[in-house]
N, C-alpha and C. Protein backbone atom coordinates (compact mmCIF):
# COMPACT_ATOMS: atom_id res chain seq x y z
N MET A 1 -8.13 7.95 19.47
CA MET A 1 -7.84 6.65 20.05
C MET A 1 -8.78 5.60 19.46
N ILE A 2 -8.24 4.48 19.09
CA ILE A 2 -9.02 3.39 18.48
C ILE A 2 -9.53 2.47 19.58
N ASN A 3 -10.83 2.15 19.52
CA ASN A 3 -11.33 1.18 20.49
C ASN A 3 -11.17 -0.23 19.91
N ILE A 4 -11.41 -1.21 20.72
CA ILE A 4 -11.18 -2.59 20.31
C ILE A 4 -12.04 -2.99 19.13
N ALA A 5 -13.26 -2.49 19.05
CA ALA A 5 -14.15 -2.85 17.93
C ALA A 5 -13.61 -2.33 16.60
N GLN A 6 -12.81 -1.25 16.63
CA GLN A 6 -12.28 -0.68 15.41
C GLN A 6 -10.89 -1.20 15.05
N SER A 7 -10.24 -1.91 15.96
CA SER A 7 -8.88 -2.36 15.70
C SER A 7 -8.87 -3.51 14.69
N SER A 8 -7.73 -3.67 14.03
CA SER A 8 -7.61 -4.73 13.03
C SER A 8 -7.37 -6.08 13.71
N SER A 9 -7.55 -7.13 12.95
CA SER A 9 -7.36 -8.48 13.45
C SER A 9 -5.90 -8.71 13.85
N THR A 10 -5.70 -9.51 14.88
CA THR A 10 -4.35 -9.87 15.29
C THR A 10 -3.82 -11.06 14.50
N ARG A 11 -4.69 -11.76 13.78
CA ARG A 11 -4.30 -12.99 13.08
C ARG A 11 -3.09 -12.80 12.15
N PRO A 12 -3.07 -11.79 11.25
CA PRO A 12 -1.91 -11.69 10.35
C PRO A 12 -0.61 -11.41 11.10
N TYR A 13 -0.69 -10.67 12.18
CA TYR A 13 0.51 -10.36 12.96
C TYR A 13 1.04 -11.60 13.66
N LEU A 14 0.14 -12.41 14.18
CA LEU A 14 0.55 -13.64 14.85
C LEU A 14 1.10 -14.66 13.85
N VAL A 15 0.50 -14.73 12.67
CA VAL A 15 1.01 -15.62 11.63
C VAL A 15 2.43 -15.22 11.25
N ARG A 16 2.66 -13.91 11.04
CA ARG A 16 4.01 -13.44 10.70
C ARG A 16 5.00 -13.71 11.83
N ALA A 17 4.58 -13.47 13.07
CA ALA A 17 5.47 -13.68 14.21
C ALA A 17 5.86 -15.15 14.35
N LEU A 18 4.91 -16.05 14.21
CA LEU A 18 5.22 -17.48 14.34
C LEU A 18 6.02 -17.99 13.15
N HIS A 19 5.77 -17.42 11.96
CA HIS A 19 6.59 -17.77 10.79
C HIS A 19 8.04 -17.37 11.06
N GLU A 20 8.23 -16.17 11.59
CA GLU A 20 9.58 -15.70 11.89
C GLU A 20 10.23 -16.56 12.97
N TRP A 21 9.47 -16.91 14.00
CA TRP A 21 10.00 -17.76 15.08
C TRP A 21 10.46 -19.11 14.51
N CYS A 22 9.63 -19.72 13.68
CA CYS A 22 10.01 -21.00 13.06
C CYS A 22 11.30 -20.85 12.26
N THR A 23 11.34 -19.83 11.42
CA THR A 23 12.50 -19.60 10.55
C THR A 23 13.76 -19.35 11.38
N ASP A 24 13.65 -18.52 12.40
CA ASP A 24 14.81 -18.20 13.24
C ASP A 24 15.35 -19.43 13.97
N ASN A 25 14.48 -20.39 14.24
CA ASN A 25 14.89 -21.58 14.99
C ASN A 25 15.14 -22.79 14.10
N GLY A 26 15.21 -22.58 12.79
CA GLY A 26 15.49 -23.67 11.87
C GLY A 26 14.36 -24.67 11.73
N LEU A 27 13.14 -24.23 12.01
CA LEU A 27 11.97 -25.10 11.92
C LEU A 27 11.19 -24.78 10.64
N THR A 28 10.32 -25.69 10.24
CA THR A 28 9.54 -25.53 9.01
C THR A 28 8.13 -25.07 9.33
N PRO A 29 7.76 -23.84 8.96
CA PRO A 29 6.41 -23.36 9.26
C PRO A 29 5.37 -23.93 8.30
N TYR A 30 4.31 -24.47 8.85
CA TYR A 30 3.18 -24.99 8.09
C TYR A 30 1.94 -24.19 8.50
N ILE A 31 1.04 -23.97 7.55
CA ILE A 31 -0.26 -23.40 7.89
C ILE A 31 -1.35 -24.39 7.49
N ALA A 32 -2.36 -24.48 8.34
CA ALA A 32 -3.56 -25.25 8.02
C ALA A 32 -4.60 -24.24 7.56
N VAL A 33 -5.25 -24.55 6.45
CA VAL A 33 -6.18 -23.62 5.81
C VAL A 33 -7.52 -24.30 5.60
N MET A 34 -8.60 -23.61 5.98
CA MET A 34 -9.95 -24.09 5.68
C MET A 34 -10.29 -23.56 4.28
N VAL A 35 -10.50 -24.47 3.35
CA VAL A 35 -10.66 -24.11 1.94
C VAL A 35 -12.12 -23.80 1.60
N ASP A 36 -12.31 -22.71 0.85
CA ASP A 36 -13.58 -22.37 0.23
C ASP A 36 -13.27 -21.74 -1.12
N ASP A 37 -14.24 -21.12 -1.75
CA ASP A 37 -14.03 -20.55 -3.09
C ASP A 37 -13.05 -19.38 -3.10
N SER A 38 -12.82 -18.75 -1.95
CA SER A 38 -11.90 -17.61 -1.90
C SER A 38 -10.43 -18.04 -1.81
N VAL A 39 -10.19 -19.32 -1.57
CA VAL A 39 -8.83 -19.85 -1.41
C VAL A 39 -8.35 -20.42 -2.75
N GLN A 40 -7.18 -19.97 -3.19
CA GLN A 40 -6.60 -20.44 -4.45
C GLN A 40 -5.46 -21.42 -4.14
N VAL A 41 -5.80 -22.71 -4.15
CA VAL A 41 -4.84 -23.79 -3.91
C VAL A 41 -5.18 -24.93 -4.86
N PRO A 42 -4.23 -25.85 -5.09
CA PRO A 42 -4.56 -27.02 -5.92
C PRO A 42 -5.60 -27.89 -5.22
N ARG A 43 -6.78 -27.95 -5.79
CA ARG A 43 -7.91 -28.66 -5.16
C ARG A 43 -7.64 -30.16 -4.97
N GLU A 44 -6.76 -30.73 -5.78
CA GLU A 44 -6.48 -32.17 -5.64
C GLU A 44 -5.75 -32.50 -4.35
N TYR A 45 -5.23 -31.49 -3.65
CA TYR A 45 -4.53 -31.70 -2.38
C TYR A 45 -5.40 -31.33 -1.18
N VAL A 46 -6.63 -30.93 -1.41
CA VAL A 46 -7.55 -30.57 -0.33
C VAL A 46 -8.17 -31.85 0.22
N ASN A 47 -8.16 -31.97 1.54
CA ASN A 47 -8.71 -33.15 2.20
C ASN A 47 -9.70 -32.68 3.27
N ASN A 48 -10.95 -33.11 3.16
CA ASN A 48 -12.00 -32.74 4.12
C ASN A 48 -12.12 -31.22 4.26
N GLY A 49 -11.99 -30.50 3.16
CA GLY A 49 -12.16 -29.05 3.18
C GLY A 49 -10.97 -28.29 3.76
N GLU A 50 -9.86 -28.98 3.98
CA GLU A 50 -8.67 -28.34 4.54
C GLU A 50 -7.44 -28.72 3.73
N ILE A 51 -6.42 -27.86 3.81
CA ILE A 51 -5.13 -28.16 3.20
C ILE A 51 -4.05 -27.63 4.15
N VAL A 52 -2.95 -28.35 4.21
CA VAL A 52 -1.80 -27.92 5.00
C VAL A 52 -0.71 -27.54 4.01
N LEU A 53 -0.15 -26.33 4.20
CA LEU A 53 0.84 -25.79 3.27
C LEU A 53 2.15 -25.50 3.99
N ASN A 54 3.24 -25.91 3.38
CA ASN A 54 4.58 -25.58 3.86
C ASN A 54 4.87 -24.17 3.38
N ILE A 55 5.05 -23.22 4.31
CA ILE A 55 5.31 -21.83 3.92
C ILE A 55 6.74 -21.41 4.28
N SER A 56 7.66 -22.38 4.27
CA SER A 56 9.07 -22.03 4.51
C SER A 56 9.61 -21.33 3.28
N PHE A 57 10.70 -20.58 3.45
CA PHE A 57 11.31 -19.90 2.32
C PHE A 57 11.88 -20.90 1.32
N ASP A 58 12.26 -22.10 1.78
CA ASP A 58 12.77 -23.13 0.88
C ASP A 58 11.68 -23.72 -0.01
N ALA A 59 10.44 -23.73 0.46
CA ALA A 59 9.34 -24.36 -0.28
C ALA A 59 8.53 -23.37 -1.10
N THR A 60 8.77 -22.07 -0.90
CA THR A 60 7.97 -21.06 -1.57
C THR A 60 8.83 -20.09 -2.35
N SER A 61 8.19 -19.36 -3.23
CA SER A 61 8.84 -18.28 -3.97
C SER A 61 7.94 -17.05 -3.83
N ASN A 62 8.55 -15.89 -3.61
CA ASN A 62 7.81 -14.63 -3.47
C ASN A 62 6.75 -14.69 -2.38
N LEU A 63 7.09 -15.26 -1.22
CA LEU A 63 6.16 -15.36 -0.10
C LEU A 63 5.82 -13.97 0.43
N GLN A 64 4.53 -13.69 0.55
CA GLN A 64 4.04 -12.43 1.12
C GLN A 64 3.02 -12.76 2.20
N LEU A 65 3.35 -12.42 3.43
CA LEU A 65 2.45 -12.63 4.56
C LEU A 65 1.80 -11.29 4.89
N GLY A 66 0.77 -10.95 4.15
CA GLY A 66 0.12 -9.65 4.29
C GLY A 66 -0.99 -9.65 5.33
N ASN A 67 -1.61 -8.50 5.52
CA ASN A 67 -2.72 -8.39 6.47
C ASN A 67 -4.00 -9.03 5.95
N GLU A 68 -4.14 -9.15 4.63
CA GLU A 68 -5.36 -9.70 4.05
C GLU A 68 -5.15 -11.09 3.43
N PHE A 69 -3.96 -11.35 2.89
CA PHE A 69 -3.69 -12.61 2.18
C PHE A 69 -2.31 -13.15 2.48
N VAL A 70 -2.17 -14.47 2.39
CA VAL A 70 -0.88 -15.15 2.31
C VAL A 70 -0.77 -15.55 0.84
N VAL A 71 0.26 -15.03 0.16
CA VAL A 71 0.42 -15.26 -1.27
C VAL A 71 1.83 -15.76 -1.54
N PHE A 72 1.95 -16.78 -2.40
CA PHE A 72 3.26 -17.29 -2.78
C PHE A 72 3.13 -18.20 -3.99
N LYS A 73 4.26 -18.60 -4.52
CA LYS A 73 4.32 -19.61 -5.57
C LYS A 73 4.99 -20.84 -4.97
N ALA A 74 4.51 -22.02 -5.36
CA ALA A 74 5.08 -23.27 -4.86
C ALA A 74 4.86 -24.36 -5.90
N ARG A 75 5.64 -25.41 -5.78
CA ARG A 75 5.51 -26.55 -6.68
C ARG A 75 4.72 -27.66 -6.01
N PHE A 76 3.77 -28.19 -6.74
CA PHE A 76 2.97 -29.33 -6.29
C PHE A 76 3.11 -30.39 -7.36
N GLY A 77 3.72 -31.51 -7.01
CA GLY A 77 3.95 -32.57 -8.00
C GLY A 77 4.79 -32.07 -9.16
N GLY A 78 5.72 -31.15 -8.89
CA GLY A 78 6.61 -30.62 -9.92
C GLY A 78 6.02 -29.50 -10.75
N VAL A 79 4.77 -29.14 -10.51
CA VAL A 79 4.10 -28.09 -11.28
C VAL A 79 4.02 -26.82 -10.43
N ALA A 80 4.53 -25.70 -10.96
CA ALA A 80 4.48 -24.42 -10.24
C ALA A 80 3.05 -23.92 -10.17
N ARG A 81 2.63 -23.48 -9.00
CA ARG A 81 1.27 -22.98 -8.79
C ARG A 81 1.31 -21.67 -8.03
N GLU A 82 0.35 -20.80 -8.32
CA GLU A 82 0.15 -19.56 -7.58
C GLU A 82 -0.82 -19.89 -6.44
N ILE A 83 -0.44 -19.56 -5.22
CA ILE A 83 -1.26 -19.83 -4.05
C ILE A 83 -1.69 -18.51 -3.43
N SER A 84 -2.97 -18.40 -3.11
CA SER A 84 -3.50 -17.21 -2.46
C SER A 84 -4.51 -17.64 -1.40
N VAL A 85 -4.22 -17.29 -0.16
CA VAL A 85 -5.07 -17.69 0.96
C VAL A 85 -5.49 -16.45 1.75
N PRO A 86 -6.78 -16.16 1.83
CA PRO A 86 -7.21 -15.07 2.70
C PRO A 86 -6.79 -15.38 4.14
N ILE A 87 -6.26 -14.40 4.83
CA ILE A 87 -5.74 -14.62 6.18
C ILE A 87 -6.82 -15.16 7.12
N ALA A 88 -8.08 -14.82 6.87
CA ALA A 88 -9.19 -15.31 7.70
C ALA A 88 -9.38 -16.81 7.55
N ARG A 89 -8.87 -17.42 6.48
CA ARG A 89 -9.03 -18.86 6.25
C ARG A 89 -7.90 -19.67 6.88
N VAL A 90 -6.86 -19.02 7.43
CA VAL A 90 -5.78 -19.72 8.12
C VAL A 90 -6.29 -20.12 9.50
N ILE A 91 -6.32 -21.43 9.78
CA ILE A 91 -6.85 -21.89 11.06
C ILE A 91 -5.75 -22.33 12.02
N ALA A 92 -4.50 -22.42 11.54
CA ALA A 92 -3.39 -22.75 12.43
C ALA A 92 -2.07 -22.48 11.72
N ILE A 93 -1.04 -22.19 12.51
CA ILE A 93 0.33 -22.13 12.02
C ILE A 93 1.17 -22.86 13.06
N TYR A 94 2.05 -23.73 12.59
CA TYR A 94 2.84 -24.53 13.52
C TYR A 94 4.14 -24.98 12.87
N ALA A 95 5.07 -25.43 13.70
CA ALA A 95 6.34 -25.97 13.24
C ALA A 95 6.18 -27.46 12.98
N ARG A 96 6.57 -27.91 11.79
CA ARG A 96 6.45 -29.32 11.44
C ARG A 96 7.23 -30.21 12.40
N GLU A 97 8.40 -29.78 12.81
CA GLU A 97 9.30 -30.63 13.58
C GLU A 97 8.83 -30.90 15.01
N ASN A 98 8.21 -29.91 15.67
CA ASN A 98 7.82 -30.13 17.06
C ASN A 98 6.34 -29.84 17.34
N GLY A 99 5.60 -29.39 16.32
CA GLY A 99 4.17 -29.16 16.49
C GLY A 99 3.80 -27.91 17.25
N GLN A 100 4.77 -27.12 17.69
CA GLN A 100 4.42 -25.91 18.43
C GLN A 100 3.88 -24.85 17.48
N GLY A 101 2.84 -24.18 17.92
CA GLY A 101 2.23 -23.16 17.09
C GLY A 101 0.99 -22.59 17.72
N MET A 102 0.08 -22.14 16.89
CA MET A 102 -1.13 -21.49 17.37
C MET A 102 -2.30 -21.85 16.47
N ALA A 103 -3.44 -22.08 17.09
CA ALA A 103 -4.68 -22.33 16.36
C ALA A 103 -5.56 -21.10 16.44
N PHE A 104 -6.36 -20.90 15.41
CA PHE A 104 -7.28 -19.78 15.35
C PHE A 104 -8.69 -20.33 15.20
N PRO A 105 -9.70 -19.53 15.52
CA PRO A 105 -11.07 -20.01 15.32
C PRO A 105 -11.32 -20.27 13.84
N ALA A 106 -12.07 -21.30 13.58
CA ALA A 106 -12.44 -21.60 12.19
C ALA A 106 -13.33 -20.48 11.67
N PRO A 107 -13.15 -20.10 10.41
CA PRO A 107 -13.99 -19.04 9.86
C PRO A 107 -15.45 -19.46 9.84
N SER A 108 -16.32 -18.51 10.14
CA SER A 108 -17.75 -18.78 10.08
C SER A 108 -18.26 -18.42 8.70
N ALA A 109 -19.56 -18.36 8.55
CA ALA A 109 -20.13 -18.02 7.25
C ALA A 109 -19.65 -16.66 6.78
N SER A 110 -19.39 -15.76 7.71
CA SER A 110 -18.93 -14.42 7.36
C SER A 110 -17.46 -14.27 7.71
N SER A 111 -16.62 -13.96 6.73
CA SER A 111 -15.21 -13.75 6.98
C SER A 111 -14.98 -12.59 7.92
N ALA A 112 -15.85 -11.59 7.89
CA ALA A 112 -15.72 -10.44 8.79
C ALA A 112 -15.86 -10.88 10.23
N GLU A 113 -16.81 -11.80 10.49
CA GLU A 113 -16.96 -12.32 11.85
C GLU A 113 -15.71 -13.05 12.27
N ALA A 114 -15.13 -13.83 11.38
CA ALA A 114 -13.92 -14.60 11.71
C ALA A 114 -12.76 -13.66 12.00
N GLU A 115 -12.65 -12.58 11.25
CA GLU A 115 -11.56 -11.63 11.47
C GLU A 115 -11.70 -10.94 12.81
N ASP A 116 -12.95 -10.69 13.25
CA ASP A 116 -13.16 -10.02 14.52
C ASP A 116 -13.00 -10.95 15.70
N ALA A 117 -13.06 -12.25 15.47
CA ALA A 117 -12.95 -13.21 16.55
C ALA A 117 -11.54 -13.20 17.13
N GLU A 118 -11.45 -13.41 18.40
CA GLU A 118 -10.16 -13.44 19.09
C GLU A 118 -9.47 -14.77 18.79
N PRO A 119 -8.19 -14.77 18.43
CA PRO A 119 -7.50 -16.02 18.17
C PRO A 119 -7.50 -16.91 19.41
N ARG A 120 -7.79 -18.19 19.23
CA ARG A 120 -7.82 -19.12 20.34
C ARG A 120 -6.45 -19.24 20.99
N GLY A 121 -5.41 -19.10 20.20
CA GLY A 121 -4.06 -19.26 20.72
C GLY A 121 -3.66 -18.21 21.73
N LEU A 122 -4.39 -17.07 21.81
CA LEU A 122 -4.05 -16.06 22.79
C LEU A 122 -4.25 -16.58 24.20
N VAL A 123 -5.12 -17.57 24.37
CA VAL A 123 -5.27 -18.21 25.67
C VAL A 123 -3.93 -18.80 26.08
N SER A 124 -3.09 -19.14 25.11
CA SER A 124 -1.80 -19.73 25.38
C SER A 124 -0.86 -18.79 26.11
N ALA A 125 -1.14 -17.48 26.07
CA ALA A 125 -0.30 -16.55 26.79
C ALA A 125 -0.43 -16.80 28.29
N ILE A 126 -1.56 -17.33 28.71
CA ILE A 126 -1.78 -17.62 30.12
C ILE A 126 -1.61 -19.11 30.38
N LYS A 127 -2.09 -19.90 29.46
CA LYS A 127 -1.98 -21.35 29.56
C LYS A 127 -0.90 -21.82 28.60
N PRO A 128 -0.42 -23.05 28.71
CA PRO A 128 0.62 -23.53 27.80
C PRO A 128 0.21 -23.47 26.33
N VAL A 129 1.19 -23.49 25.47
CA VAL A 129 1.03 -23.36 24.03
C VAL A 129 0.27 -24.53 23.43
N VAL A 130 -0.51 -24.25 22.39
CA VAL A 130 -1.17 -25.30 21.63
C VAL A 130 -0.08 -26.06 20.88
N SER A 131 -0.17 -27.36 20.87
CA SER A 131 0.81 -28.17 20.18
C SER A 131 0.11 -29.09 19.22
N LEU A 132 0.78 -29.50 18.20
CA LEU A 132 0.23 -30.42 17.22
C LEU A 132 0.88 -31.77 17.41
N SER A 133 0.10 -32.81 17.29
CA SER A 133 0.64 -34.14 17.41
C SER A 133 0.04 -35.01 16.32
N PRO A 134 0.73 -36.07 15.94
CA PRO A 134 0.17 -36.95 14.90
C PRO A 134 -1.17 -37.51 15.32
N ALA A 135 -2.04 -37.70 14.36
CA ALA A 135 -3.39 -38.21 14.63
C ALA A 135 -3.35 -39.58 15.28
N SER A 136 -2.29 -40.35 15.02
CA SER A 136 -2.21 -41.70 15.57
C SER A 136 -2.01 -41.68 17.07
N SER A 137 -1.54 -40.58 17.66
CA SER A 137 -1.36 -40.52 19.10
C SER A 137 -2.50 -39.70 19.72
N HIS A 138 -3.74 -40.03 19.34
CA HIS A 138 -4.94 -39.31 19.76
C HIS A 138 -5.02 -39.27 21.28
N GLN A 139 -5.15 -38.06 21.81
CA GLN A 139 -5.36 -37.86 23.24
C GLN A 139 -6.49 -36.85 23.38
N THR A 140 -7.24 -36.97 24.46
CA THR A 140 -8.34 -36.04 24.66
C THR A 140 -7.96 -34.99 25.68
N GLN A 141 -8.70 -33.88 25.65
CA GLN A 141 -8.48 -32.84 26.64
C GLN A 141 -9.09 -33.29 27.94
N ASP A 142 -8.43 -32.92 29.06
CA ASP A 142 -8.94 -33.35 30.35
C ASP A 142 -9.59 -32.18 31.10
N THR A 143 -10.12 -31.23 30.36
CA THR A 143 -10.78 -30.09 30.99
C THR A 143 -11.98 -29.68 30.15
N ASP A 144 -12.95 -29.09 30.79
CA ASP A 144 -14.11 -28.56 30.09
C ASP A 144 -14.10 -27.04 30.12
N ASP A 145 -12.94 -26.44 30.18
CA ASP A 145 -12.78 -24.99 30.22
C ASP A 145 -13.41 -24.39 28.96
N PRO A 146 -14.39 -23.48 29.09
CA PRO A 146 -15.05 -22.91 27.92
C PRO A 146 -14.12 -22.05 27.07
N THR A 147 -12.97 -21.63 27.59
CA THR A 147 -12.04 -20.83 26.79
C THR A 147 -11.16 -21.69 25.91
N ASP A 148 -11.18 -23.01 26.13
CA ASP A 148 -10.39 -23.91 25.30
C ASP A 148 -10.99 -23.99 23.91
N PRO A 149 -10.15 -24.08 22.87
CA PRO A 149 -10.70 -24.20 21.52
C PRO A 149 -11.42 -25.53 21.36
N PRO A 150 -12.38 -25.60 20.45
CA PRO A 150 -13.07 -26.86 20.22
C PRO A 150 -12.10 -27.89 19.68
N LYS A 151 -12.37 -29.14 19.98
CA LYS A 151 -11.51 -30.21 19.48
C LYS A 151 -11.67 -30.31 17.97
N PRO A 152 -10.55 -30.44 17.25
CA PRO A 152 -10.65 -30.55 15.79
C PRO A 152 -11.20 -31.92 15.41
N PRO A 153 -11.78 -32.03 14.21
CA PRO A 153 -12.23 -33.34 13.77
C PRO A 153 -11.03 -34.26 13.64
N HIS A 154 -11.24 -35.55 13.88
CA HIS A 154 -10.14 -36.50 13.84
C HIS A 154 -10.05 -37.14 12.46
N PRO A 155 -9.02 -36.77 11.68
CA PRO A 155 -8.86 -37.38 10.36
C PRO A 155 -8.41 -38.83 10.49
N ASN A 156 -8.33 -39.49 9.38
CA ASN A 156 -7.85 -40.87 9.39
C ASN A 156 -6.46 -40.92 9.97
N PRO A 157 -6.14 -41.94 10.79
CA PRO A 157 -4.81 -42.02 11.39
C PRO A 157 -3.71 -41.93 10.33
N GLY A 158 -2.70 -41.16 10.64
CA GLY A 158 -1.56 -41.02 9.76
C GLY A 158 -1.73 -40.00 8.66
N SER A 159 -2.90 -39.32 8.59
CA SER A 159 -3.13 -38.41 7.47
C SER A 159 -2.36 -37.10 7.64
N ARG A 160 -2.40 -36.47 8.81
CA ARG A 160 -1.65 -35.25 9.07
C ARG A 160 -1.75 -34.93 10.56
N PRO A 161 -0.93 -34.02 11.06
CA PRO A 161 -1.02 -33.68 12.48
C PRO A 161 -2.35 -33.02 12.81
N GLN A 162 -2.73 -33.11 14.08
CA GLN A 162 -3.93 -32.43 14.54
C GLN A 162 -3.59 -31.67 15.82
N LEU A 163 -4.39 -30.69 16.13
CA LEU A 163 -4.13 -29.85 17.29
C LEU A 163 -4.43 -30.59 18.59
N LYS A 164 -3.62 -30.32 19.59
CA LYS A 164 -3.81 -30.89 20.91
C LYS A 164 -3.33 -29.86 21.92
N ARG A 165 -4.10 -29.55 22.94
CA ARG A 165 -3.68 -28.60 23.97
C ARG A 165 -2.91 -29.37 25.04
N ILE A 166 -1.74 -28.85 25.38
CA ILE A 166 -0.91 -29.46 26.41
C ILE A 166 -1.08 -28.66 27.68
N LYS A 167 -1.44 -29.33 28.74
CA LYS A 167 -1.69 -28.64 30.03
C LYS A 167 -0.49 -28.76 30.92
């Protein structure tokens, strides 16, 4: 019998499940990625150490949502690129159209620590789902519940969606 300390991360399973949910419902799955040297993405599209990637079947080629990496080919500015993202660097997956999805803890200095961390979105099984909203409609959380994920940094208005917990 495997104890919890020996079990694998739930992050890749949740990413696959939410990708499938988006696809089944005609929604566009996006992932937010915290970029470091282990992430292979076009650096010119990285903003504040993060990048948001469309991982729909229409936008990608040879998409593989594995336990260790998200790997695919995609076009950026008309140029085909190989994309490789360690699953520990995925900090959120959500539907572009309605913002529904799940946020994960940001990776720490050690990827192993990040993999062992419990996904913040699991709190959503008891509380309502994490939702994404445009930065221009900034709202604050009205609770100091320690189980709530930390508030994400606020990018410039209009730059991209940001996470917001709906109570």
